[in-house]
Amino acid sequence: MLTYASDLTSMTQGRGTYSMEFSHYDVVPQHIADKNVAAGKAAGKI
């Protein structure tokens, strides 16, 4: 997605447009959530 805007502009001679929108949140497995919380606490961000 990082180069999509410039690629689209090149392919359509500046006439192409696009938009993105948030789809959804998803459940994080508990072991990953625990790891992230521990990392945040260790970094002093929580």
PDB file of N, CA and C in Angstrom:
ATOM      1  N   MET A   1       0.815  -1.202   0.000  1.00  0.00           N
ATOM      2  CA  MET A   1       0.000   0.000   0.000  1.00  0.00           C
ATOM      3  C   MET A   1       0.858   1.264   0.000  1.00  0.00           C
ATOM      4  N   LEU A   2       2.115   1.138   0.353  1.00  0.00           N
ATOM      5  CA  LEU A   2       2.949   2.333   0.448  1.00  0.00           C
ATOM      6  C   LEU A   2       3.199   2.987  -0.901  1.00  0.00           C
ATOM      7  N   THR A   3       3.280   2.202  -1.950  1.00  0.00           N
ATOM      8  CA  THR A   3       3.549   2.778  -3.273  1.00  0.00           C
ATOM      9  C   THR A   3       2.311   2.766  -4.167  1.00  0.00           C
ATOM     10  N   TYR A   4       1.180   2.344  -3.638  1.00  0.00           N
ATOM     11  CA  TYR A   4      -0.014   2.200  -4.472  1.00  0.00           C
ATOM     12  C   TYR A   4      -0.450   3.529  -5.076  1.00  0.00           C
ATOM     13  N   ALA A   5      -0.426   4.594  -4.313  1.00  0.00           N
ATOM     14  CA  ALA A   5      -0.880   5.893  -4.820  1.00  0.00           C
ATOM     15  C   ALA A   5      -0.033   6.345  -6.003  1.00  0.00           C
ATOM     16  N   SER A   6       1.280   6.239  -5.880  1.00  0.00           N
ATOM     17  CA  SER A   6       2.121   6.669  -7.001  1.00  0.00           C
ATOM     18  C   SER A   6       2.005   5.709  -8.185  1.00  0.00           C
ATOM     19  N   ASP A   7       1.869   4.415  -7.924  1.00  0.00           N
ATOM     20  CA  ASP A   7       1.675   3.455  -9.018  1.00  0.00           C
ATOM     21  C   ASP A   7       0.370   3.732  -9.763  1.00  0.00           C
ATOM     22  N   LEU A   8      -0.685   4.008  -9.018  1.00  0.00           N
ATOM     23  CA  LEU A   8      -1.985   4.286  -9.635  1.00  0.00           C
ATOM     24  C   LEU A   8      -1.918   5.553 -10.472  1.00  0.00           C
ATOM     25  N   THR A   9      -1.263   6.574  -9.941  1.00  0.00           N
ATOM     26  CA  THR A   9      -1.119   7.821 -10.688  1.00  0.00           C
ATOM     27  C   THR A   9      -0.369   7.578 -11.994  1.00  0.00           C
ATOM     28  N   SER A  10       0.686   6.788 -11.927  1.00  0.00           N
ATOM     29  CA  SER A  10       1.468   6.489 -13.135  1.00  0.00           C
ATOM     30  C   SER A  10       0.650   5.708 -14.152  1.00  0.00           C
ATOM     31  N   MET A  11      -0.091   4.706 -13.682  1.00  0.00           N
ATOM     32  CA  MET A  11      -0.842   3.845 -14.600  1.00  0.00           C
ATOM     33  C   MET A  11      -2.032   4.552 -15.242  1.00  0.00           C
ATOM     34  N   THR A  12      -2.598   5.554 -14.561  1.00  0.00           N
ATOM     35  CA  THR A  12      -3.816   6.189 -15.061  1.00  0.00           C
ATOM     36  C   THR A  12      -3.584   7.620 -15.533  1.00  0.00           C
ATOM     37  N   GLN A  13      -2.332   7.995 -15.684  1.00  0.00           N
ATOM     38  CA  GLN A  13      -1.961   9.345 -16.108  1.00  0.00           C
ATOM     39  C   GLN A  13      -2.580  10.405 -15.210  1.00  0.00           C
ATOM     40  N   GLY A  14      -2.606  10.122 -13.905  1.00  0.00           N
ATOM     41  CA  GLY A  14      -3.075  11.092 -12.921  1.00  0.00           C
ATOM     42  C   GLY A  14      -4.563  11.110 -12.682  1.00  0.00           C
ATOM     43  N   ARG A  15      -5.327  10.232 -13.328  1.00  0.00           N
ATOM     44  CA  ARG A  15      -6.789  10.268 -13.198  1.00  0.00           C
ATOM     45  C   ARG A  15      -7.334   9.264 -12.187  1.00  0.00           C
ATOM     46  N   GLY A  16      -6.532   8.297 -11.776  1.00  0.00           N
ATOM     47  CA  GLY A  16      -7.020   7.270 -10.857  1.00  0.00           C
ATOM     48  C   GLY A  16      -7.050   7.767  -9.419  1.00  0.00           C
ATOM     49  N   THR A  17      -8.043   7.316  -8.673  1.00  0.00           N
ATOM     50  CA  THR A  17      -8.142   7.652  -7.254  1.00  0.00           C
ATOM     51  C   THR A  17      -8.447   6.384  -6.468  1.00  0.00           C
ATOM     52  N   TYR A  18      -8.176   6.446  -5.193  1.00  0.00           N
ATOM     53  CA  TYR A  18      -8.521   5.336  -4.308  1.00  0.00           C
ATOM     54  C   TYR A  18      -8.709   5.885  -2.904  1.00  0.00           C
ATOM     55  N   SER A  19      -9.315   5.093  -2.067  1.00  0.00           N
ATOM     56  CA  SER A  19      -9.456   5.463  -0.655  1.00  0.00           C
ATOM     57  C   SER A  19      -9.367   4.194   0.180  1.00  0.00           C
ATOM     58  N   MET A  20      -8.975   4.368   1.417  1.00  0.00           N
ATOM     59  CA  MET A  20      -8.906   3.246   2.348  1.00  0.00           C
ATOM     60  C   MET A  20      -9.785   3.587   3.540  1.00  0.00           C
ATOM     61  N   GLU A  21     -10.374   2.572   4.118  1.00  0.00           N
ATOM     62  CA  GLU A  21     -11.145   2.779   5.332  1.00  0.00           C
ATOM     63  C   GLU A  21     -10.910   1.613   6.278  1.00  0.00           C
ATOM     64  N   PHE A  22     -11.013   1.923   7.558  1.00  0.00           N
ATOM     65  CA  PHE A  22     -10.806   0.921   8.589  1.00  0.00           C
ATOM     66  C   PHE A  22     -11.869  -0.155   8.471  1.00  0.00           C
ATOM     67  N   SER A  23     -11.460  -1.408   8.572  1.00  0.00           N
ATOM     68  CA  SER A  23     -12.389  -2.518   8.452  1.00  0.00           C
ATOM     69  C   SER A  23     -12.879  -2.985   9.818  1.00  0.00           C
ATOM     70  N   HIS A  24     -11.942  -3.438  10.667  1.00  0.00           N
ATOM     71  CA  HIS A  24     -12.368  -3.963  11.952  1.00  0.00           C
ATOM     72  C   HIS A  24     -11.166  -4.214  12.862  1.00  0.00           C
ATOM     73  N   TYR A  25     -11.455  -4.323  14.119  1.00  0.00           N
ATOM     74  CA  TYR A  25     -10.472  -4.810  15.078  1.00  0.00           C
ATOM     75  C   TYR A  25     -10.626  -6.312  15.166  1.00  0.00           C
ATOM     76  N   ASP A  26      -9.601  -7.003  15.600  1.00  0.00           N
ATOM     77  CA  ASP A  26      -9.684  -8.438  15.776  1.00  0.00           C
ATOM     78  C   ASP A  26      -9.157  -8.781  17.165  1.00  0.00           C
ATOM     79  N   VAL A  27      -9.526  -9.915  17.666  1.00  0.00           N
ATOM     80  CA  VAL A  27      -9.107 -10.359  18.991  1.00  0.00           C
ATOM     81  C   VAL A  27      -7.637 -10.756  18.946  1.00  0.00           C
ATOM     82  N   VAL A  28      -6.882 -10.282  19.943  1.00  0.00           N
ATOM     83  CA  VAL A  28      -5.471 -10.653  20.062  1.00  0.00           C
ATOM     84  C   VAL A  28      -5.389 -11.848  20.999  1.00  0.00           C
ATOM     85  N   PRO A  29      -4.696 -12.907  20.600  1.00  0.00           N
ATOM     86  CA  PRO A  29      -4.538 -14.049  21.498  1.00  0.00           C
ATOM     87  C   PRO A  29      -3.907 -13.604  22.828  1.00  0.00           C
ATOM     88  N   GLN A  30      -4.350 -14.207  23.908  1.00  0.00           N
ATOM     89  CA  GLN A  30      -3.945 -13.760  25.237  1.00  0.00           C
ATOM     90  C   GLN A  30      -2.431 -13.785  25.434  1.00  0.00           C
ATOM     91  N   HIS A  31      -1.745 -14.798  24.912  1.00  0.00           N
ATOM     92  CA  HIS A  31      -0.300 -14.863  25.119  1.00  0.00           C
ATOM     93  C   HIS A  31       0.431 -13.707  24.421  1.00  0.00           C
ATOM     94  N   ILE A  32      -0.100 -13.242  23.314  1.00  0.00           N
ATOM     95  CA  ILE A  32       0.501 -12.097  22.621  1.00  0.00           C
ATOM     96  C   ILE A  32       0.170 -10.806  23.368  1.00  0.00           C
ATOM     97  N   ALA A  33      -1.061 -10.693  23.854  1.00  0.00           N
ATOM     98  CA  ALA A  33      -1.449  -9.522  24.632  1.00  0.00           C
ATOM     99  C   ALA A  33      -0.588  -9.405  25.886  1.00  0.00           C
ATOM    100  N   ASP A  34      -0.369 -10.510  26.571  1.00  0.00           N
ATOM    101  CA  ASP A  34       0.467 -10.491  27.775  1.00  0.00           C
ATOM    102  C   ASP A  34       1.891 -10.043  27.448  1.00  0.00           C
ATOM    103  N   LYS A  35       2.414 -10.526  26.331  1.00  0.00           N
ATOM    104  CA  LYS A  35       3.763 -10.156  25.900  1.00  0.00           C
ATOM    105  C   LYS A  35       3.841  -8.656  25.607  1.00  0.00           C
ATOM    106  N   ASN A  36       2.832  -8.123  24.934  1.00  0.00           N
ATOM    107  CA  ASN A  36       2.816  -6.693  24.613  1.00  0.00           C
ATOM    108  C   ASN A  36       2.696  -5.835  25.856  1.00  0.00           C
ATOM    109  N   VAL A  37       1.869  -6.238  26.794  1.00  0.00           N
ATOM    110  CA  VAL A  37       1.709  -5.489  28.041  1.00  0.00           C
ATOM    111  C   VAL A  37       3.018  -5.494  28.824  1.00  0.00           C
ATOM    112  N   ALA A  38       3.674  -6.649  28.894  1.00  0.00           N
ATOM    113  CA  ALA A  38       4.951  -6.746  29.607  1.00  0.00           C
ATOM    114  C   ALA A  38       5.996  -5.841  28.944  1.00  0.00           C
ATOM    115  N   ALA A  39       6.031  -5.826  27.621  1.00  0.00           N
ATOM    116  CA  ALA A  39       6.988  -4.979  26.910  1.00  0.00           C
ATOM    117  C   ALA A  39       6.695  -3.502  27.163  1.00  0.00           C
ATOM    118  N   GLY A  40       5.429  -3.137  27.207  1.00  0.00           N
ATOM    119  CA  GLY A  40       5.053  -1.752  27.484  1.00  0.00           C
ATOM    120  C   GLY A  40       5.434  -1.334  28.886  1.00  0.00           C
ATOM    121  N   LYS A  41       5.229  -2.224  29.839  1.00  0.00           N
ATOM    122  CA  LYS A  41       5.610  -1.913  31.211  1.00  0.00           C
ATOM    123  C   LYS A  41       7.124  -1.790  31.351  1.00  0.00           C
ATOM    124  N   ALA A  42       7.859  -2.655  30.669  1.00  0.00           N
ATOM    125  CA  ALA A  42       9.327  -2.615  30.733  1.00  0.00           C
ATOM    126  C   ALA A  42       9.860  -1.327  30.119  1.00  0.00           C
ATOM    127  N   ALA A  43       9.168  -0.813  29.106  1.00  0.00           N
ATOM    128  CA  ALA A  43       9.603   0.405  28.443  1.00  0.00           C
ATOM    129  C   ALA A  43       9.089   1.657  29.170  1.00  0.00           C
ATOM    130  N   GLY A  44       8.300   1.462  30.228  1.00  0.00           N
ATOM    131  CA  GLY A  44       7.775   2.580  30.985  1.00  0.00           C
ATOM    132  C   GLY A  44       6.630   3.302  30.298  1.00  0.00           C
ATOM    133  N   LYS A  45       5.975   2.644  29.363  1.00  0.00           N
ATOM    134  CA  LYS A  45       4.885   3.275  28.626  1.00  0.00           C
ATOM    135  C   LYS A  45       3.515   2.945  29.203  1.00  0.00           C
ATOM    136  N   ILE A  46       3.487   2.006  30.150  1.00  0.00           N
ATOM    137  CA  ILE A  46       2.212   1.641  30.781  1.00  0.00           C
ATOM    138  C   ILE A  46       2.356   1.877  32.267  1.00  0.00           C
TER     139      ILE A  46
END
